[in-house]
Protein backbone atom coordinates (compact mmCIF):
# COMPACT_ATOMS: atom_id res chain seq x y z
CA MET A 1 133.39 83.81 -31.27
CA VAL A 2 137.17 84.39 -31.98
CA MET A 3 139.86 82.43 -30.10
CA ILE A 4 143.08 84.34 -29.45
CA GLY A 5 145.45 82.25 -27.34
CA SER A 6 143.61 81.65 -24.05
CA VAL A 7 141.29 84.66 -24.69
CA ARG A 8 137.79 84.26 -26.09
CA ARG A 9 136.01 87.29 -27.51
CA ILE A 10 132.29 86.97 -27.89
CA ALA A 11 130.97 90.08 -29.75
CA PHE A 12 127.46 91.30 -30.13
CA VAL A 13 126.33 94.44 -31.85
CA GLY A 14 127.90 97.28 -29.81
CA PHE A 15 128.80 95.04 -26.93
CA ALA A 16 131.72 92.66 -26.23
CA VAL A 17 132.28 90.19 -23.49
CA LEU A 18 135.89 89.23 -22.61
CA ILE A 19 136.51 85.99 -20.78
CA VAL A 20 140.04 85.29 -19.70
CA LEU A 21 140.99 81.94 -18.05
CA GLY A 22 137.67 81.96 -16.23
CA THR A 23 138.10 85.45 -14.88
CA ALA A 24 136.63 88.74 -15.86
CA CYS A 25 136.73 92.36 -14.77
CA SER A 26 134.04 93.03 -12.31
CA SER A 27 133.24 96.67 -13.19
CA PRO A 28 133.82 99.25 -15.95
CA HIS A 29 136.54 100.86 -13.82
CA ASP A 30 138.36 97.49 -13.53
CA ALA A 31 138.11 97.06 -17.33
CA SER A 32 139.57 100.51 -17.96
CA ILE A 33 142.54 99.63 -15.63
CA ALA A 34 143.05 96.39 -17.55
CA LYS A 35 142.94 98.24 -20.89
CA LYS A 36 145.39 100.87 -19.60
CA TYR A 37 148.01 98.21 -18.86
CA GLU A 38 147.18 95.71 -21.61
CA GLY A 39 150.42 94.17 -23.02
CA LYS A 40 152.63 95.78 -20.40
CA LEU A 41 154.85 94.42 -17.77
CA VAL A 42 153.82 95.73 -14.32
CA ARG A 43 154.69 95.45 -10.63
CA ARG A 44 153.64 97.24 -7.44
CA PRO A 45 155.93 99.46 -5.41
CA GLY A 46 157.76 98.14 -2.43
CA SER A 47 160.63 95.86 -1.39
CA ALA A 48 158.77 92.82 0.03
CA PRO A 49 159.08 89.59 -1.98
CA ASP A 50 155.57 89.87 -3.28
CA ASP A 51 156.26 93.45 -4.33
CA GLN A 52 159.05 92.19 -6.73
CA LYS A 53 156.76 90.00 -8.72
CA VAL A 54 156.46 91.18 -12.31
CA TYR A 55 153.18 90.55 -14.22
CA LEU A 56 152.27 90.62 -17.91
CA VAL A 57 148.82 92.15 -18.40
CA THR A 58 147.07 90.23 -21.16
CA GLY A 59 143.40 89.67 -21.96
CA GLY A 60 142.41 91.83 -18.97
CA ALA A 61 144.24 89.76 -16.38
CA LYS A 62 147.63 89.94 -14.66
CA ARG A 63 149.89 86.87 -15.25
CA TRP A 64 152.93 86.45 -12.95
CA VAL A 65 156.07 86.13 -15.15
CA THR A 66 158.40 83.82 -13.11
CA SER A 67 161.50 84.29 -15.17
CA LYS A 68 163.32 87.31 -16.54
CA ASP A 69 164.63 85.00 -19.36
CA TRP A 70 160.95 84.75 -20.59
CA ILE A 71 160.63 88.55 -20.56
CA ILE A 72 163.82 88.90 -22.66
CA ALA A 73 162.95 85.99 -24.96
CA HIS A 74 159.63 87.71 -25.76
CA GLY A 75 161.12 91.02 -26.85
CA PHE A 76 160.87 93.02 -23.65
CA HIS A 77 163.83 94.84 -22.11
CA TRP A 78 164.69 93.81 -18.58
CA PRO A 79 164.16 95.78 -16.28
CA THR A 80 163.45 98.98 -18.24
CA ASP A 81 160.01 97.72 -19.65
CA VAL A 82 158.72 96.96 -16.16
CA GLU A 83 156.25 99.67 -15.02
CA THR A 84 155.63 100.25 -11.31
CA ILE A 85 151.90 100.78 -10.84
CA SER A 86 149.85 101.48 -7.73
CA SER A 87 148.99 98.61 -5.48
CA ASP A 88 145.37 99.50 -5.93
CA ASP A 89 145.52 99.25 -9.69
CA LEU A 90 147.35 95.93 -9.47
CA ALA A 91 144.79 94.54 -7.10
CA LEU A 92 141.91 95.45 -9.42
CA LEU A 93 143.36 93.12 -12.17
CA PRO A 94 142.10 89.54 -11.90
CA GLU A 95 144.86 86.90 -11.55
CA GLY A 96 145.60 84.72 -14.58
CA MET A 97 147.86 81.69 -14.85
CA ALA A 98 151.53 82.24 -14.23
CA ILE A 99 153.95 82.31 -17.12
CA HIS A 100 157.03 80.02 -16.69
């Protein structure tokens, strides 16, 4: 077992289980969505307050980033590094702990 921040990887021959803050992807499709956006800042389209939330996808989960200062301090460019993804894709990602 390898600990990487809040992510635990338990690997078996030809098989890996990823556990993130008590959440996991529920299907192979969900896992492929998580992999597609891993390490990226994402949001869904729209102008409602919840549509403006920016998430960092890490360890297979989306984590709400509550401050653009955190984004800048961690080497991202605000707002150009924020990718708008479909609401469906965002909904497939399990919710992790917010980043303050």
